[in-house]
Structure formats: C-alpha cells, structure tokens
C-alpha cells in the first residue's frame, strides 16, 4: 500500500478530511488517509458529497473518506502529487479543474457502463471523466431597483458604461472563472478581453456567490452574476438573502446562459481502482442522481431519466451556448483576468 500521509497544501478549504464509517477527520496541517477506505478528493459541496458517500457505503459496504477542498487548489494539488496522490476519486464543482488533471495524464478511463448512464454531451470524447451534476449561470436582480424589462439582454452588455457600479460578481472564485472560460470558448479572446476590461471598470467584486446575492438583495447594487442554485436554496428556506430578488436566464445561446458541468474521475494511480469505478458508477446511476435531487443542493441532475428538483426550469430549456465544457482553459482565464487587473 503506497503513500498514506502528507502535508496539506495552502489553499485547501476545511480541516482536512471528513471521516465516514470509522474514518477520522484530520487536522488542517496533516491528513492521514485510512487504508481501508476509498479516498475521495472533493471540491463539490459537502451537502452533496456526504449523502453520496453515505448512500454508496450503505449500498456496497465500502467505507469512504472525503478530503474536502476547492476546485483550483485541489486540481493543482493532485497534479503536484502525481502518481503519489492518495486520491482514488476526484470530484469537482466545475469542469476546468478536472481537465487540468486530465491534461496531466492522471485519470483512468471511465467504465463504459458508467458512461452510458449520462447523455452523450455529459462526458468528454477522451472518456477520462464524466459529468456528475450541472449548474446554470444566471443574473440575480433586485426587483425594486431593476424592472424585468430593463434587465440586460446579454451578459456581454454588463461591460457597457451604463452598468458602471450597478452589478457585481465573485471574480476571484472558480465558479465565476468557469463562466469566463465558457465566454472565452464561445466568444474568443478579443471579445472576452474587452468584456473583462468592462468588468474591471463596472463591477463590484464580492467574496462569493452568496455575498453577491445578498448584496443585490440588500439593494446595494442592481444585479449580480451567480450560479442558479444559491438562489433556489435560499428561496426554499427563509428567503433572507433573496427575498427582494428574482432570477433572469439569458438563454438564446448567450454567454450568460453557460451551463457548468461538475466532474467525476478515477485516478490512474488509485489504490482501489475497482471501488473507485464503482463509486463513479453509483453517483451517476438513477439511485445516485436521486440522492442529488433529494439532497436539496438544487444542482441539476445529469443522469439519464432522472428529473431535477421541480422548482428548477428544465436543463433542456436553458438554451446554453454551444461550448465544449471539456476544453475550458482555466489557466488562460486566470492570466487574462490578471492582465485586466481583476485578480
């Protein structure tokens, strides 16, 4: 049995791993993997990953240990660890972190039976990983400050001078950078660079999607760019952070209709490759996708024949731009945002 203890890299979220079925949580400085448990590196939300792991263990008897982190830092950590990584499975919120690991040649092919559980456009032609969930870009706007008829017709419009200091986003987060990566793939580098210049001039930069939504709700700005599920989660609860707002879906193949796919992959160096493939097959199966829907994560199910939460507009109705989510260039986006003075 190889490599089972190492130091946590700077940038990881949380305090090490989440132990399930006898696996202990670890300190922020050091993570010790349980050799009996399947090791899952997860940048997905814990309110989804944990129910998946628990349901998988209940169905198979295989214990799971989760190490929680963020998309970019966790993807880079796996690349840095290479064949010595303790990870058996990698789960992401957005596809760029997964393609980073794929390009490093660190992923095994997805089992064909697993691949057949999701639509054709929910897995890369390389078969190196598979989509496990989806989220849509939306504009959240304050209904007292902005009439629906005055909502921008395109995400690209937010770079115009008339939107100065009227909108915000979490530009430093992997979610927003995934949206920009979709824009880059759809609109090209010159148009994206121009839009980022407009963002720098016009937008308020907030800490995350929730902070953006709450700022709009409080009337501090007209609107903000977020992913859909933050709003639906708040609406399903107290509405404290969204009660004064509504959502706008750009549709019409606009860059603002970008749909980001969460990914799941098996490490080529996995100690438990069969169990890792079994886990990936489980979470994309009808049973696993039902766990997603019932978790109240409000993310879109991607498994064939599984209906997402009824509060959500159907995924097929969003008219997303024809962007290949498996080739999104997060490194290029970070460089462009840095050059624009945003990061």
Protein backbone atom coordinates (compact mmCIF):
# COMPACT_ATOMS: atom_id res chain seq x y z
CA UNK A 1 0.00 0.00 0.00
CA UNK A 2 1.52 3.32 -1.09
CA UNK A 3 1.66 6.87 0.30
CA UNK A 4 -0.74 7.49 3.12
CA UNK A 5 0.38 10.65 4.89
CA UNK A 6 1.29 14.07 3.58
CA UNK A 7 1.06 17.78 4.35
CA UNK A 8 -1.95 19.83 3.31
CA UNK A 9 -1.19 22.47 0.67
CA UNK A 10 -2.05 26.10 1.29
CA UNK A 11 -5.41 26.98 -0.25
CA UNK A 12 -7.40 23.93 0.77
CA UNK A 13 -10.73 24.58 2.45
CA UNK A 14 -11.83 22.92 5.63
CA UNK A 15 -9.87 20.99 8.19
CA UNK A 16 -8.57 18.01 6.29
CA UNK A 17 -10.86 15.08 5.59
CA UNK A 18 -14.40 14.18 6.52
CA UNK A 19 -14.41 10.73 8.09
CA UNK A 20 -17.25 8.30 7.41
CA UNK A 21 -17.85 4.86 8.91
CA UNK A 22 -14.91 4.97 11.30
CA UNK A 23 -12.63 7.22 9.28
CA UNK A 24 -11.49 10.18 11.32
CA UNK A 25 -11.30 13.84 10.38
CA UNK A 26 -7.78 15.23 10.19
CA UNK A 27 -6.08 18.46 11.19
CA UNK A 28 -5.59 21.34 8.76
CA UNK A 29 -1.84 20.71 8.69
CA UNK A 30 -1.79 16.97 8.17
CA UNK A 31 -4.11 14.47 6.53
CA UNK A 32 -3.85 10.75 7.20
CA UNK A 33 -5.73 8.50 4.80
CA UNK A 34 -7.42 5.38 6.15
CA UNK A 35 -6.03 2.49 4.06
CA UNK A 36 -9.35 0.65 4.36
CA UNK A 37 -11.41 3.49 2.89
CA UNK A 38 -11.95 4.73 -0.64
CA UNK A 39 -10.24 8.12 -0.87
CA UNK A 40 -12.34 10.86 -2.46
CA UNK A 41 -10.85 14.30 -3.12
CA UNK A 42 -13.92 16.50 -3.41
CA UNK A 43 -14.35 20.13 -4.44
CA UNK A 44 -18.11 19.58 -4.54
CA UNK A 45 -20.33 20.88 -1.74
CA UNK A 46 -20.35 18.69 1.36
CA UNK A 47 -24.16 18.70 1.43
CA UNK A 48 -23.99 16.64 -1.76
CA UNK A 49 -20.75 14.66 -1.41
CA UNK A 50 -21.56 13.39 2.08
CA UNK A 51 -25.01 11.95 1.17
CA UNK A 52 -23.47 10.34 -1.91
CA UNK A 53 -20.73 8.72 0.19
CA UNK A 54 -23.15 7.54 2.85
CA UNK A 55 -25.56 6.06 0.30
CA UNK A 56 -22.69 4.35 -1.53
CA UNK A 57 -21.40 2.80 1.69
CA UNK A 58 -24.89 1.69 2.67
CA UNK A 59 -25.34 0.03 -0.73
CA UNK A 60 -21.90 -1.58 -1.03
CA UNK A 61 -20.33 -1.75 2.42
CA UNK A 62 -17.28 0.13 1.09
CA UNK A 63 -16.14 2.89 3.53
CA UNK A 64 -15.40 6.32 2.07
CA UNK A 65 -13.10 9.05 3.36
CA UNK A 66 -13.55 12.51 1.89
CA UNK A 67 -10.92 15.20 1.68
CA UNK A 68 -12.68 18.50 1.06
CA UNK A 69 -11.14 21.36 -0.93
CA UNK A 70 -11.65 23.92 -3.68
CA UNK A 71 -11.64 23.29 -7.43
CA UNK A 72 -8.42 25.02 -8.49
CA UNK A 73 -6.28 24.28 -5.43
CA UNK A 74 -7.35 20.65 -5.30
CA UNK A 75 -6.76 20.13 -9.03
CA UNK A 76 -3.28 21.63 -8.74
CA UNK A 77 -2.63 19.54 -5.62
CA UNK A 78 -3.41 16.32 -7.48
CA UNK A 79 -1.13 17.37 -10.33
CA UNK A 80 1.64 18.18 -7.84
CA UNK A 81 1.20 14.81 -6.09
CA UNK A 82 1.17 12.95 -9.40
CA UNK A 83 1.29 9.16 -9.08
CA UNK A 84 1.84 9.57 -5.33
CA UNK A 85 -1.57 11.10 -4.72
CA UNK A 86 -3.67 9.31 -2.09
CA UNK A 87 -6.80 10.12 -4.13
CA UNK A 88 -8.81 7.33 -5.72
CA UNK A 89 -11.60 9.61 -6.97
CA UNK A 90 -11.71 13.32 -7.80
CA UNK A 91 -14.98 15.29 -7.78
CA UNK A 92 -15.21 18.91 -8.93
CA UNK A 93 -17.76 21.71 -8.96
CA UNK A 94 -16.69 22.89 -12.43
CA UNK A 95 -15.02 21.15 -15.35
CA UNK A 96 -11.78 23.23 -15.71
CA UNK A 97 -10.24 21.67 -12.59
CA UNK A 98 -10.93 18.21 -13.98
CA UNK A 99 -9.49 18.99 -17.40
CA UNK A 100 -6.35 20.28 -15.64
CA UNK A 101 -5.87 16.82 -14.09
CA UNK A 102 -6.81 15.11 -17.35
CA UNK A 103 -4.19 17.07 -19.30
CA UNK A 104 -1.58 15.89 -16.79
CA UNK A 105 -2.42 12.31 -17.78
CA UNK A 106 -3.52 11.35 -14.28
CA UNK A 107 -7.02 9.97 -14.99
CA UNK A 108 -8.13 6.46 -15.87
CA UNK A 109 -10.84 5.86 -18.46
CA UNK A 110 -14.40 5.79 -17.15
CA UNK A 111 -16.06 2.38 -17.21
CA UNK A 112 -18.27 2.10 -20.35
CA UNK A 113 -21.35 1.11 -18.34
CA UNK A 114 -20.94 4.28 -16.27
CA UNK A 115 -20.51 6.37 -19.40
CA UNK A 116 -23.86 5.13 -20.72
CA UNK A 117 -25.68 6.49 -17.65
CA UNK A 118 -25.40 10.13 -18.78
CA UNK A 119 -26.22 11.84 -22.10
CA UNK A 120 -23.61 11.97 -24.84
CA UNK A 121 -22.81 15.65 -24.18
CA UNK A 122 -22.12 14.98 -20.48
CA UNK A 123 -18.80 13.18 -20.98
CA UNK A 124 -15.63 14.10 -22.92
CA UNK A 125 -14.64 12.20 -26.03
CA UNK A 126 -11.48 11.17 -24.17
CA UNK A 127 -13.69 9.21 -21.72
CA UNK A 128 -11.33 10.35 -18.95
CA UNK A 129 -14.11 11.63 -16.70
CA UNK A 130 -17.86 12.13 -16.56
CA UNK A 131 -20.34 14.78 -15.56
CA UNK A 132 -22.00 14.21 -12.17
CA UNK A 133 -24.12 17.40 -11.84
CA UNK A 134 -24.72 20.75 -13.57
CA UNK A 135 -25.32 24.40 -12.70
CA UNK A 136 -26.50 27.35 -14.78
CA UNK A 137 -25.26 30.91 -14.97
CA UNK A 138 -27.99 33.41 -14.02
CA UNK A 139 -28.44 37.11 -13.31
CA UNK A 140 -29.93 37.82 -9.89
CA UNK A 141 -31.53 41.27 -9.75
CA UNK A 142 -33.24 43.46 -7.16
CA UNK A 143 -36.87 43.84 -8.24
CA UNK A 144 -37.21 47.28 -6.58
CA UNK A 145 -34.14 48.66 -8.38
CA UNK A 146 -34.45 46.97 -11.75
CA UNK A 147 -37.58 46.15 -13.77
CA UNK A 148 -37.58 42.90 -15.70
CA UNK A 149 -37.87 44.92 -18.91
CA UNK A 150 -34.62 46.72 -18.04
CA UNK A 151 -32.56 43.59 -17.39
CA UNK A 152 -29.60 43.42 -19.81
CA UNK A 153 -30.30 41.37 -22.89
CA UNK A 154 -26.87 39.74 -22.81
CA UNK A 155 -24.16 39.08 -20.26
CA UNK A 156 -21.88 40.98 -22.64
CA UNK A 157 -23.93 44.15 -22.05
CA UNK A 158 -22.64 44.42 -18.49
CA UNK A 159 -19.35 45.75 -19.89
CA UNK A 160 -21.12 48.86 -21.23
CA UNK A 161 -20.63 52.18 -19.38
CA UNK A 162 -24.29 52.39 -18.32
CA UNK A 163 -23.76 49.42 -15.99
CA UNK A 164 -20.92 51.00 -14.04
CA UNK A 165 -21.22 50.28 -10.29
CA UNK A 166 -24.58 48.59 -10.83
CA UNK A 167 -23.58 44.93 -10.80
CA UNK A 168 -21.24 42.55 -9.03
CA UNK A 169 -19.68 39.10 -9.10
CA UNK A 170 -17.26 36.85 -7.23
CA UNK A 171 -14.46 37.27 -9.78
CA UNK A 172 -11.89 35.51 -7.61
CA UNK A 173 -13.83 32.25 -7.40
CA UNK A 174 -13.64 29.13 -9.55
CA UNK A 175 -17.38 29.39 -10.30
CA UNK A 176 -17.09 32.79 -11.98
CA UNK A 177 -13.83 31.87 -13.70
CA UNK A 178 -15.62 28.88 -15.19
CA UNK A 179 -18.23 31.27 -16.62
CA UNK A 180 -15.45 33.39 -18.14
CA UNK A 181 -13.85 30.22 -19.54
CA UNK A 182 -17.16 29.49 -21.25
CA UNK A 183 -17.19 33.02 -22.65
CA UNK A 184 -13.63 32.60 -23.92
CA UNK A 185 -14.55 29.38 -25.71
CA UNK A 186 -17.72 30.90 -27.19
CA UNK A 187 -16.72 34.50 -27.95
CA UNK A 188 -12.96 34.26 -28.45
CA UNK A 189 -10.08 36.06 -26.77
CA UNK A 190 -10.50 39.64 -28.09
CA UNK A 191 -14.19 39.86 -27.09
CA UNK A 192 -13.53 38.25 -23.71
CA UNK A 193 -10.60 40.58 -23.00
CA UNK A 194 -12.78 43.58 -23.84
CA UNK A 195 -15.52 42.30 -21.55
CA UNK A 196 -13.04 41.82 -18.71
CA UNK A 197 -11.91 45.41 -19.16
CA UNK A 198 -15.55 46.42 -18.74
CA UNK A 199 -15.86 44.20 -15.68
CA UNK A 200 -12.87 45.91 -14.11
CA UNK A 201 -14.46 49.32 -14.72
CA UNK A 202 -18.05 48.45 -13.82
CA UNK A 203 -18.37 45.59 -11.37
CA UNK A 204 -18.14 45.31 -7.61
CA UNK A 205 -16.02 42.31 -6.66
CA UNK A 206 -17.51 40.25 -3.84
CA UNK A 207 -16.27 37.27 -1.87
CA UNK A 208 -18.54 34.58 -3.29
CA UNK A 209 -21.90 33.86 -4.95
CA UNK A 210 -23.82 34.14 -1.69
CA UNK A 211 -22.28 37.52 -0.85
CA UNK A 212 -23.17 38.69 -4.37
CA UNK A 213 -26.78 37.58 -3.99
CA UNK A 214 -27.11 39.16 -0.54
CA UNK A 215 -25.66 42.45 -1.76
CA UNK A 216 -28.24 42.55 -4.56
CA UNK A 217 -30.98 41.59 -2.10
CA UNK A 218 -29.95 44.44 0.22
CA UNK A 219 -30.23 46.95 -2.61
CA UNK A 220 -26.52 47.73 -2.69
CA UNK A 221 -26.45 47.16 -6.44
CA UNK A 222 -28.94 46.32 -9.18
CA UNK A 223 -27.82 42.84 -10.13
CA UNK A 224 -25.14 40.18 -9.94
CA UNK A 225 -23.85 37.16 -11.85
CA UNK A 226 -24.07 33.88 -9.91
CA UNK A 227 -24.91 30.21 -10.37
CA UNK A 228 -28.60 29.37 -10.05
CA UNK A 229 -28.64 27.02 -7.08
CA UNK A 230 -27.62 29.56 -4.44
CA UNK A 231 -30.83 31.47 -5.11
CA UNK A 232 -33.03 28.36 -5.15
CA UNK A 233 -31.58 27.12 -1.86
CA UNK A 234 -32.34 30.43 -0.17
CA UNK A 235 -35.81 30.55 -1.69
CA UNK A 236 -36.50 27.08 -0.31
CA UNK A 237 -35.58 28.34 3.17
CA UNK A 238 -36.09 31.70 4.85
CA UNK A 239 -35.52 33.83 1.72
CA UNK A 240 -33.42 36.07 3.95
CA UNK A 241 -30.78 36.50 1.29
CA UNK A 242 -33.00 36.56 -1.81
CA UNK A 243 -36.49 37.78 -0.87
CA UNK A 244 -36.11 41.07 -2.76
CA UNK A 245 -34.72 39.50 -5.90
CA UNK A 246 -35.61 37.49 -8.98
CA UNK A 247 -33.59 35.48 -11.48
CA UNK A 248 -33.05 36.16 -15.15
CA UNK A 249 -32.00 33.36 -17.52
CA UNK A 250 -30.31 34.84 -20.59
CA UNK A 251 -30.98 31.80 -22.83
CA UNK A 252 -30.60 32.33 -26.63
CA UNK A 253 -27.12 30.71 -26.59
CA UNK A 254 -25.83 33.81 -24.80
CA UNK A 255 -22.56 33.57 -22.83
CA UNK A 256 -24.74 34.29 -19.80
CA UNK A 257 -26.59 31.02 -20.39
CA UNK A 258 -23.42 28.99 -19.85
CA UNK A 259 -24.02 25.68 -18.06
CA UNK A 260 -21.10 24.41 -16.00
CA UNK A 261 -20.66 20.66 -15.54
CA UNK A 262 -19.34 19.16 -12.31
CA UNK A 263 -16.97 16.30 -12.99
CA UNK A 264 -16.06 12.96 -11.53
CA UNK A 265 -12.93 10.97 -12.39
CA UNK A 266 -10.89 7.99 -11.23
CA UNK A 267 -7.17 8.49 -10.68
CA UNK A 268 -4.94 6.25 -12.80
CA UNK A 269 -2.81 5.70 -9.68
CA UNK A 270 -5.77 4.75 -7.47
CA UNK A 271 -5.08 2.12 -4.80
CA UNK A 272 -8.69 0.97 -5.14
CA UNK A 273 -9.46 1.31 -8.87
CA UNK A 274 -12.38 -1.15 -8.92
CA UNK A 275 -14.06 0.51 -5.93
CA UNK A 276 -13.38 3.95 -7.42
CA UNK A 277 -15.10 2.98 -10.68
CA UNK A 278 -17.94 1.54 -8.62
CA UNK A 279 -18.34 4.85 -6.77
CA UNK A 280 -18.44 6.83 -10.01
CA UNK A 281 -20.99 4.43 -11.44
CA UNK A 282 -23.13 4.75 -8.30
CA UNK A 283 -23.29 8.57 -8.18
CA UNK A 284 -24.27 8.81 -11.86
CA UNK A 285 -26.82 5.99 -11.60
CA UNK A 286 -30.56 6.72 -11.14
CA UNK A 287 -30.13 5.90 -7.44
CA UNK A 288 -27.16 8.24 -7.03
CA UNK A 289 -28.75 11.05 -9.03
CA UNK A 290 -31.87 10.71 -6.89
CA UNK A 291 -29.61 11.30 -3.87
CA UNK A 292 -28.51 14.54 -5.58
CA UNK A 293 -32.10 15.67 -6.10
CA UNK A 294 -33.11 14.80 -2.53
CA UNK A 295 -30.01 16.47 -1.02
CA UNK A 296 -31.60 19.90 -1.61
CA UNK A 297 -28.37 21.01 -3.26
CA UNK A 298 -30.57 22.42 -6.05
CA UNK A 299 -27.99 21.42 -8.65
CA UNK A 300 -29.16 19.81 -11.87
CA UNK A 301 -29.18 16.04 -12.16
CA UNK A 302 -27.43 14.82 -15.32
CA UNK A 303 -28.23 11.10 -15.18
CA UNK A 304 -30.42 9.78 -17.98
CA UNK A 305 -34.06 9.55 -16.94
CA UNK A 306 -33.64 11.47 -13.68
CA UNK A 307 -35.70 14.62 -13.15
CA UNK A 308 -34.13 17.54 -11.27
CA UNK A 309 -35.90 19.38 -8.45
CA UNK A 310 -39.27 20.58 -9.81
CA UNK A 311 -38.51 24.18 -8.73
CA UNK A 312 -35.82 24.39 -11.42
CA UNK A 313 -36.53 25.21 -15.06
CA UNK A 314 -35.64 22.11 -17.11
CA UNK A 315 -31.99 21.90 -18.06
CA UNK A 316 -33.01 21.42 -21.68
CA UNK A 317 -34.85 24.78 -21.62
CA UNK A 318 -31.82 26.91 -20.77
CA UNK A 319 -30.53 27.28 -24.34
CA UNK A 320 -26.89 27.22 -23.28
CA UNK A 321 -24.20 28.34 -25.75
CA UNK A 322 -22.58 25.53 -27.78
CA UNK A 323 -19.44 25.39 -25.66
CA UNK A 324 -17.39 22.22 -25.23
CA UNK A 325 -17.11 22.08 -21.42
CA UNK A 326 -14.26 19.62 -21.60
CA UNK A 327 -11.78 22.03 -23.15
CA UNK A 328 -12.31 25.10 -20.94
CA UNK A 329 -8.99 26.82 -20.27
CA UNK A 330 -8.91 27.98 -16.66
CA UNK A 331 -5.20 28.85 -16.78
CA UNK A 332 -5.75 31.19 -19.73
CA UNK A 333 -8.71 32.81 -17.95
CA UNK A 334 -6.68 33.46 -14.81
CA UNK A 335 -3.94 35.06 -16.90
CA UNK A 336 -6.45 37.24 -18.75
CA UNK A 337 -8.15 38.33 -15.51
CA UNK A 338 -4.76 39.09 -14.01
CA UNK A 339 -3.77 41.14 -17.06
CA UNK A 340 -7.05 43.06 -16.74
CA UNK A 341 -6.23 43.91 -13.12
CA UNK A 342 -9.14 41.92 -11.71
CA UNK A 343 -7.10 39.30 -9.85
